[in-house]
């Protein structure tokens, strides 16, 4: 297991009632049956809105999540590199709240 995957799991296990699952065949965590984060290409991906979405996209290397790689990103999902792991817990909490978990 890579350091980034271990950090992904650590961050997600800190969120009450988050359940491990799959999203597009990738590891994710869900709250009330809805995915709010996933792990892709050694980076953490968050479903965010408004201010948090903009904040995440401003980080160097962050991008809209495009799981197919065909130029069709998912507009609410932001992929954040491991280099910004210090932000992962806050983004995860915000993503959880956004999908209705808090």
N, C-alpha and C. Protein backbone atom coordinates (compact mmCIF):
# COMPACT_ATOMS: atom_id res chain seq x y z
N UNK A 1 0.85 -1.18 0.00
CA UNK A 1 0.00 0.00 0.00
C UNK A 1 0.90 1.24 0.00
N UNK A 2 0.58 2.17 -0.85
CA UNK A 2 1.36 3.41 -0.95
C UNK A 2 1.05 4.33 0.24
N UNK A 3 1.94 5.30 0.45
CA UNK A 3 1.71 6.29 1.52
C UNK A 3 0.43 7.07 1.26
N UNK A 4 0.17 7.39 -0.01
CA UNK A 4 -1.03 8.17 -0.32
C UNK A 4 -2.29 7.36 -0.06
N UNK A 5 -2.28 6.07 -0.37
CA UNK A 5 -3.46 5.24 -0.10
C UNK A 5 -3.68 5.08 1.40
N UNK A 6 -2.60 4.91 2.16
CA UNK A 6 -2.71 4.81 3.62
C UNK A 6 -3.30 6.09 4.20
N UNK A 7 -2.88 7.24 3.67
CA UNK A 7 -3.40 8.52 4.14
C UNK A 7 -4.88 8.66 3.77
N UNK A 8 -5.25 8.25 2.57
CA UNK A 8 -6.66 8.26 2.14
C UNK A 8 -7.51 7.49 3.15
N UNK A 9 -7.08 6.29 3.48
CA UNK A 9 -7.84 5.46 4.42
C UNK A 9 -7.88 6.11 5.80
N UNK A 10 -6.75 6.63 6.27
CA UNK A 10 -6.70 7.27 7.58
C UNK A 10 -7.68 8.44 7.66
N UNK A 11 -7.67 9.28 6.64
CA UNK A 11 -8.57 10.44 6.61
C UNK A 11 -10.02 9.99 6.64
N UNK A 12 -10.36 9.02 5.83
CA UNK A 12 -11.76 8.58 5.73
C UNK A 12 -12.25 7.87 6.98
N UNK A 13 -11.36 7.15 7.63
CA UNK A 13 -11.77 6.44 8.84
C UNK A 13 -12.02 7.38 10.01
N UNK A 14 -11.63 8.63 9.88
CA UNK A 14 -11.90 9.63 10.92
C UNK A 14 -13.31 10.21 10.82
N UNK A 15 -14.02 9.90 9.73
CA UNK A 15 -15.36 10.44 9.51
C UNK A 15 -16.39 9.43 9.99
N UNK A 16 -17.18 9.84 10.97
CA UNK A 16 -18.21 8.97 11.54
C UNK A 16 -19.16 8.47 10.46
N UNK A 17 -19.45 7.19 10.51
CA UNK A 17 -20.43 6.53 9.64
C UNK A 17 -20.01 6.42 8.18
N UNK A 18 -18.78 6.78 7.85
CA UNK A 18 -18.31 6.62 6.46
C UNK A 18 -18.05 5.13 6.22
N UNK A 19 -18.52 4.64 5.09
CA UNK A 19 -18.37 3.23 4.75
C UNK A 19 -17.55 3.09 3.48
N UNK A 20 -16.60 2.17 3.50
CA UNK A 20 -15.78 1.91 2.32
C UNK A 20 -16.64 1.30 1.22
N UNK A 21 -16.32 1.63 -0.02
CA UNK A 21 -17.06 1.10 -1.16
C UNK A 21 -16.25 1.27 -2.43
N UNK A 22 -16.93 1.24 -3.55
CA UNK A 22 -16.30 1.40 -4.87
C UNK A 22 -17.04 2.46 -5.67
N UNK A 23 -16.29 3.21 -6.46
CA UNK A 23 -16.83 4.19 -7.39
C UNK A 23 -16.01 4.05 -8.67
N UNK A 24 -16.64 3.68 -9.76
CA UNK A 24 -15.94 3.42 -11.01
C UNK A 24 -14.81 2.40 -10.81
N UNK A 25 -15.03 1.46 -9.92
CA UNK A 25 -14.05 0.42 -9.65
C UNK A 25 -12.90 0.86 -8.76
N UNK A 26 -12.95 2.08 -8.27
CA UNK A 26 -11.90 2.62 -7.41
C UNK A 26 -12.40 2.69 -5.97
N UNK A 27 -11.46 2.64 -5.03
CA UNK A 27 -11.81 2.75 -3.62
C UNK A 27 -12.49 4.09 -3.36
N UNK A 28 -13.54 4.05 -2.57
CA UNK A 28 -14.22 5.28 -2.19
C UNK A 28 -14.77 5.11 -0.79
N UNK A 29 -15.30 6.19 -0.25
CA UNK A 29 -16.05 6.14 1.00
C UNK A 29 -17.37 6.82 0.74
N UNK A 30 -18.40 6.26 1.38
CA UNK A 30 -19.76 6.75 1.20
C UNK A 30 -20.35 7.12 2.54
N UNK A 31 -21.30 8.02 2.49
CA UNK A 31 -22.08 8.38 3.66
C UNK A 31 -23.53 8.30 3.24
N UNK A 32 -24.32 7.57 4.00
CA UNK A 32 -25.73 7.36 3.65
C UNK A 32 -25.87 6.82 2.22
N UNK A 33 -24.93 5.98 1.80
CA UNK A 33 -24.99 5.36 0.49
C UNK A 33 -24.50 6.22 -0.66
N UNK A 34 -24.05 7.43 -0.38
CA UNK A 34 -23.59 8.35 -1.44
C UNK A 34 -22.08 8.56 -1.32
N UNK A 35 -21.37 8.39 -2.42
CA UNK A 35 -19.92 8.61 -2.44
C UNK A 35 -19.61 10.08 -2.25
N UNK A 36 -18.61 10.35 -1.40
CA UNK A 36 -18.17 11.74 -1.22
C UNK A 36 -16.68 11.90 -1.46
N UNK A 37 -15.92 10.81 -1.44
CA UNK A 37 -14.49 10.83 -1.76
C UNK A 37 -14.13 9.53 -2.47
N UNK A 38 -13.05 9.57 -3.24
CA UNK A 38 -12.52 8.34 -3.81
C UNK A 38 -11.01 8.50 -3.97
N UNK A 39 -10.37 7.39 -4.31
CA UNK A 39 -8.92 7.35 -4.48
C UNK A 39 -8.62 6.98 -5.92
N UNK A 40 -7.84 7.83 -6.61
CA UNK A 40 -7.58 7.64 -8.03
C UNK A 40 -6.18 8.14 -8.36
N UNK A 41 -5.37 7.30 -8.99
CA UNK A 41 -4.02 7.67 -9.41
C UNK A 41 -3.18 8.22 -8.26
N UNK A 42 -3.27 7.57 -7.11
CA UNK A 42 -2.54 7.96 -5.90
C UNK A 42 -2.91 9.35 -5.39
N UNK A 43 -4.10 9.81 -5.74
CA UNK A 43 -4.60 11.11 -5.27
C UNK A 43 -6.00 10.94 -4.70
N UNK A 44 -6.38 11.86 -3.85
CA UNK A 44 -7.71 11.82 -3.26
C UNK A 44 -8.63 12.75 -4.05
N UNK A 45 -9.85 12.28 -4.26
CA UNK A 45 -10.83 13.01 -5.06
C UNK A 45 -12.03 13.32 -4.17
N UNK A 46 -12.51 14.55 -4.23
CA UNK A 46 -13.57 15.03 -3.34
C UNK A 46 -14.74 15.60 -4.14
N UNK A 47 -15.95 15.32 -3.68
CA UNK A 47 -17.13 15.95 -4.26
C UNK A 47 -17.38 17.23 -3.47
N UNK A 48 -17.17 18.36 -4.12
CA UNK A 48 -17.23 19.65 -3.43
C UNK A 48 -18.11 20.64 -4.18
N UNK A 49 -18.51 21.67 -3.47
CA UNK A 49 -19.28 22.73 -4.12
C UNK A 49 -18.73 24.10 -3.73
N UNK A 50 -19.09 25.05 -4.52
CA UNK A 50 -18.85 26.47 -4.27
C UNK A 50 -17.43 26.80 -3.81
N UNK A 51 -17.32 27.41 -2.64
CA UNK A 51 -16.06 27.92 -2.14
C UNK A 51 -15.00 26.82 -1.96
N UNK A 52 -15.41 25.68 -1.43
CA UNK A 52 -14.46 24.59 -1.22
C UNK A 52 -13.96 24.03 -2.56
N UNK A 53 -14.84 23.95 -3.52
CA UNK A 53 -14.48 23.50 -4.86
C UNK A 53 -13.42 24.42 -5.46
N UNK A 54 -13.65 25.71 -5.38
CA UNK A 54 -12.71 26.70 -5.92
C UNK A 54 -11.38 26.64 -5.17
N UNK A 55 -11.43 26.50 -3.85
CA UNK A 55 -10.22 26.41 -3.04
C UNK A 55 -9.38 25.20 -3.44
N UNK A 56 -10.02 24.07 -3.64
CA UNK A 56 -9.31 22.85 -4.03
C UNK A 56 -8.66 23.01 -5.40
N UNK A 57 -9.38 23.58 -6.34
CA UNK A 57 -8.84 23.73 -7.69
C UNK A 57 -7.66 24.70 -7.77
N UNK A 58 -7.53 25.57 -6.78
CA UNK A 58 -6.41 26.52 -6.77
C UNK A 58 -5.10 25.87 -6.36
N UNK A 59 -5.15 24.67 -5.79
CA UNK A 59 -3.93 23.99 -5.36
C UNK A 59 -3.15 23.50 -6.57
N UNK A 60 -1.84 23.63 -6.52
CA UNK A 60 -0.99 23.22 -7.63
C UNK A 60 -1.18 21.73 -7.93
N UNK A 61 -1.50 21.42 -9.18
CA UNK A 61 -1.69 20.04 -9.60
C UNK A 61 -3.10 19.51 -9.46
N UNK A 62 -3.96 20.25 -8.76
CA UNK A 62 -5.35 19.81 -8.60
C UNK A 62 -6.07 19.98 -9.94
N UNK A 63 -7.06 19.11 -10.17
CA UNK A 63 -7.80 19.15 -11.42
C UNK A 63 -9.18 18.54 -11.24
N UNK A 64 -10.05 18.83 -12.19
CA UNK A 64 -11.34 18.17 -12.18
C UNK A 64 -11.13 16.68 -12.45
N UNK A 65 -11.90 15.87 -11.79
CA UNK A 65 -11.79 14.41 -11.87
C UNK A 65 -12.35 13.91 -13.20
N UNK A 66 -11.50 13.25 -13.96
CA UNK A 66 -11.87 12.70 -15.26
C UNK A 66 -11.52 11.21 -15.27
N UNK A 67 -12.36 10.37 -14.65
CA UNK A 67 -12.01 8.95 -14.51
C UNK A 67 -11.84 8.22 -15.83
N UNK A 68 -12.50 8.67 -16.88
CA UNK A 68 -12.39 7.99 -18.17
C UNK A 68 -11.13 8.41 -18.93
N UNK A 69 -10.59 9.59 -18.59
CA UNK A 69 -9.44 10.11 -19.30
C UNK A 69 -9.76 10.57 -20.71
N UNK A 70 -11.04 10.81 -20.98
CA UNK A 70 -11.47 11.19 -22.32
C UNK A 70 -11.93 12.65 -22.41
N UNK A 71 -11.48 13.47 -21.46
CA UNK A 71 -11.83 14.88 -21.51
C UNK A 71 -13.27 15.17 -21.10
N UNK A 72 -13.82 14.31 -20.26
CA UNK A 72 -15.19 14.52 -19.77
C UNK A 72 -15.17 14.52 -18.24
N UNK A 73 -14.60 15.58 -17.65
CA UNK A 73 -14.49 15.61 -16.19
C UNK A 73 -15.86 15.74 -15.51
N UNK A 74 -15.89 15.26 -14.29
CA UNK A 74 -17.08 15.38 -13.45
C UNK A 74 -16.97 16.73 -12.73
N UNK A 75 -17.85 17.63 -13.03
CA UNK A 75 -17.70 19.03 -12.62
C UNK A 75 -17.65 19.28 -11.12
N UNK A 76 -18.27 18.44 -10.31
CA UNK A 76 -18.26 18.66 -8.87
C UNK A 76 -17.08 17.99 -8.16
N UNK A 77 -16.37 17.13 -8.85
CA UNK A 77 -15.32 16.34 -8.23
C UNK A 77 -13.94 16.91 -8.55
N UNK A 78 -13.12 17.09 -7.50
CA UNK A 78 -11.78 17.66 -7.65
C UNK A 78 -10.75 16.64 -7.16
N UNK A 79 -9.76 16.38 -7.98
CA UNK A 79 -8.68 15.45 -7.69
C UNK A 79 -7.51 16.27 -7.12
N UNK A 80 -7.11 15.93 -5.89
CA UNK A 80 -6.08 16.71 -5.19
C UNK A 80 -4.85 15.83 -4.94
N UNK A 81 -3.68 16.26 -5.41
CA UNK A 81 -2.45 15.48 -5.25
C UNK A 81 -2.06 15.24 -3.78
N UNK A 82 -1.29 14.17 -3.58
CA UNK A 82 -0.78 13.80 -2.27
C UNK A 82 0.07 14.92 -1.67
N UNK A 83 0.70 15.73 -2.50
CA UNK A 83 1.51 16.84 -2.01
C UNK A 83 0.70 17.79 -1.14
N UNK A 84 -0.61 17.76 -1.27
CA UNK A 84 -1.50 18.64 -0.50
C UNK A 84 -2.29 17.84 0.55
N UNK A 85 -1.70 16.76 1.04
CA UNK A 85 -2.40 15.88 1.98
C UNK A 85 -2.85 16.60 3.25
N UNK A 86 -2.20 17.69 3.61
CA UNK A 86 -2.62 18.42 4.81
C UNK A 86 -4.04 18.99 4.64
N UNK A 87 -4.49 19.17 3.39
CA UNK A 87 -5.83 19.69 3.12
C UNK A 87 -6.88 18.57 3.03
N UNK A 88 -6.42 17.33 2.87
CA UNK A 88 -7.36 16.24 2.65
C UNK A 88 -8.42 16.11 3.75
N UNK A 89 -8.07 16.19 5.04
CA UNK A 89 -9.13 16.03 6.06
C UNK A 89 -10.24 17.09 5.96
N UNK A 90 -9.86 18.34 5.72
CA UNK A 90 -10.88 19.40 5.61
C UNK A 90 -11.75 19.21 4.37
N UNK A 91 -11.12 18.87 3.24
CA UNK A 91 -11.91 18.64 2.03
C UNK A 91 -12.83 17.42 2.21
N UNK A 92 -12.35 16.40 2.88
CA UNK A 92 -13.18 15.21 3.11
C UNK A 92 -14.39 15.55 3.98
N UNK A 93 -14.17 16.32 5.02
CA UNK A 93 -15.28 16.73 5.89
C UNK A 93 -16.30 17.57 5.12
N UNK A 94 -15.80 18.48 4.29
CA UNK A 94 -16.70 19.30 3.48
C UNK A 94 -17.44 18.48 2.44
N UNK A 95 -16.77 17.51 1.84
CA UNK A 95 -17.42 16.65 0.86
C UNK A 95 -18.51 15.82 1.53
N UNK A 96 -18.23 15.32 2.71
CA UNK A 96 -19.22 14.56 3.46
C UNK A 96 -20.45 15.41 3.75
N UNK A 97 -20.22 16.62 4.20
CA UNK A 97 -21.33 17.54 4.49
C UNK A 97 -22.11 17.85 3.22
N UNK A 98 -21.41 18.01 2.11
CA UNK A 98 -22.05 18.35 0.84
C UNK A 98 -23.01 17.26 0.37
N UNK A 99 -22.65 16.02 0.55
CA UNK A 99 -23.55 14.94 0.09
C UNK A 99 -24.60 14.59 1.15
N UNK A 100 -24.58 15.31 2.26
CA UNK A 100 -25.66 15.14 3.23
C UNK A 100 -25.32 14.32 4.46
N UNK A 101 -24.06 14.13 4.71
CA UNK A 101 -23.68 13.30 5.84
C UNK A 101 -23.60 14.04 7.18
N UNK A 102 -23.60 15.36 7.14
CA UNK A 102 -23.47 16.10 8.39
C UNK A 102 -24.64 17.05 8.53
